[in-house]
């Protein structure tokens, strides 16, 4: 059985809300692939065939984040911003315990 057939078989078992999430994810993957095709000048991580370790996470620097400043493409910025404000939670800090002491 091919991968496509296996995916189709599993999709038949899922309820509608999960199908919507899967559709969103598939569209995300397609967009990501399209961006790679349109922006080949960005360096790709080279895979060492002898290296079995996972690539470690490296947080973004301020400079790398700034290259995205002012690049919002779309007319739904205010709607997205309101969604963030409506769904974010208040940060909770436990000042009494310090794991580094």
Protein backbone atom coordinates (compact mmCIF):
# COMPACT_ATOMS: atom_id res chain seq x y z
CA UNK A 1 0.00 0.00 0.00
CA UNK A 2 1.40 3.41 -0.94
CA UNK A 3 1.77 6.28 1.51
CA UNK A 4 -0.99 8.16 -0.30
CA UNK A 5 -3.34 5.18 0.09
CA UNK A 6 -2.46 4.87 3.79
CA UNK A 7 -3.16 8.55 4.36
CA UNK A 8 -6.46 8.31 2.51
CA UNK A 9 -7.45 5.28 4.57
CA UNK A 10 -6.67 7.08 7.84
CA UNK A 11 -8.49 10.24 6.70
CA UNK A 12 -11.68 8.26 6.17
CA UNK A 13 -11.75 7.47 9.90
CA UNK A 14 -11.43 11.06 11.16
CA UNK A 15 -14.21 13.43 12.26
CA UNK A 16 -14.76 16.71 10.41
CA UNK A 17 -12.99 19.00 12.95
CA UNK A 18 -9.79 16.99 12.68
CA UNK A 19 -10.04 17.04 8.90
CA UNK A 20 -10.05 20.85 9.05
CA UNK A 21 -6.85 20.80 11.11
CA UNK A 22 -5.25 18.41 8.66
CA UNK A 23 -6.26 20.62 5.74
CA UNK A 24 -4.71 23.62 7.49
CA UNK A 25 -1.49 21.67 8.06
CA UNK A 26 -1.32 20.46 4.46
CA UNK A 27 -1.80 24.04 3.24
CA UNK A 28 0.96 25.17 5.60
CA UNK A 29 3.31 22.54 4.18
CA UNK A 30 2.46 23.59 0.63
CA UNK A 31 3.15 27.24 1.45
CA UNK A 32 6.42 26.31 3.12
CA UNK A 33 7.48 24.30 0.07
CA UNK A 34 6.49 27.13 -2.27
CA UNK A 35 8.58 29.59 -0.25
CA UNK A 36 11.59 27.28 -0.52
CA UNK A 37 11.16 27.16 -4.28
CA UNK A 38 10.82 30.95 -4.55
CA UNK A 39 13.69 31.71 -2.13
CA UNK A 40 16.49 29.29 -2.96
CA UNK A 41 19.14 31.83 -1.92
CA UNK A 42 18.48 31.11 1.75
CA UNK A 43 20.94 28.53 3.03
CA UNK A 44 19.56 25.10 3.79
CA UNK A 45 20.88 22.99 6.64
CA UNK A 46 23.31 20.44 5.32
CA UNK A 47 22.75 16.92 6.52
CA UNK A 48 25.79 14.87 7.40
CA UNK A 49 24.92 11.26 6.51
CA UNK A 50 27.18 10.00 9.34
CA UNK A 51 25.58 12.25 11.95
CA UNK A 52 22.65 10.57 13.68
CA UNK A 53 22.12 13.34 16.24
CA UNK A 54 19.21 15.75 16.10
CA UNK A 55 19.89 19.30 14.93
CA UNK A 56 20.00 21.42 18.06
CA UNK A 57 17.62 24.33 18.43
CA UNK A 58 19.20 27.75 18.08
CA UNK A 59 17.02 30.68 19.11
CA UNK A 60 16.66 33.55 16.69
CA UNK A 61 18.80 36.60 17.22
CA UNK A 62 17.36 40.09 17.34
CA UNK A 63 18.98 40.84 14.00
CA UNK A 64 17.38 37.82 12.32
CA UNK A 65 13.99 38.80 13.70
CA UNK A 66 14.33 42.38 12.48
CA UNK A 67 14.58 41.26 8.86
CA UNK A 68 10.87 40.40 9.13
CA UNK A 69 9.86 43.82 10.48
CA UNK A 70 7.30 45.54 8.28
CA UNK A 71 6.75 42.49 6.09
CA UNK A 72 3.16 41.66 7.06
CA UNK A 73 1.42 40.62 3.86
CA UNK A 74 -2.33 40.77 4.13
CA UNK A 75 -5.21 42.91 5.22
CA UNK A 76 -6.02 41.01 8.41
CA UNK A 77 -3.27 42.35 10.69
CA UNK A 78 -5.67 44.08 13.10
CA UNK A 79 -7.87 40.97 13.25
CA UNK A 80 -4.88 38.76 14.05
CA UNK A 81 -3.60 41.21 16.63
CA UNK A 82 -6.99 41.27 18.35
CA UNK A 83 -7.01 37.47 18.33
CA UNK A 84 -3.64 37.45 20.09
CA UNK A 85 -4.87 39.93 22.69
CA UNK A 86 -8.05 37.92 23.25
CA UNK A 87 -6.37 34.54 23.67
CA UNK A 88 -3.11 35.26 25.45
CA UNK A 89 -2.75 34.36 29.06
CA UNK A 90 -1.19 36.28 31.88
CA UNK A 91 2.37 35.22 32.68
CA UNK A 92 2.82 33.57 36.06
CA UNK A 93 6.15 33.80 37.84
CA UNK A 94 7.13 31.90 40.95
CA UNK A 95 9.64 34.19 42.61
CA UNK A 96 9.94 32.00 45.70
CA UNK A 97 11.64 29.03 44.05
CA UNK A 98 14.83 29.35 42.07
CA UNK A 99 16.06 26.16 40.37
CA UNK A 100 19.54 27.66 40.05
CA UNK A 101 20.17 28.04 43.78
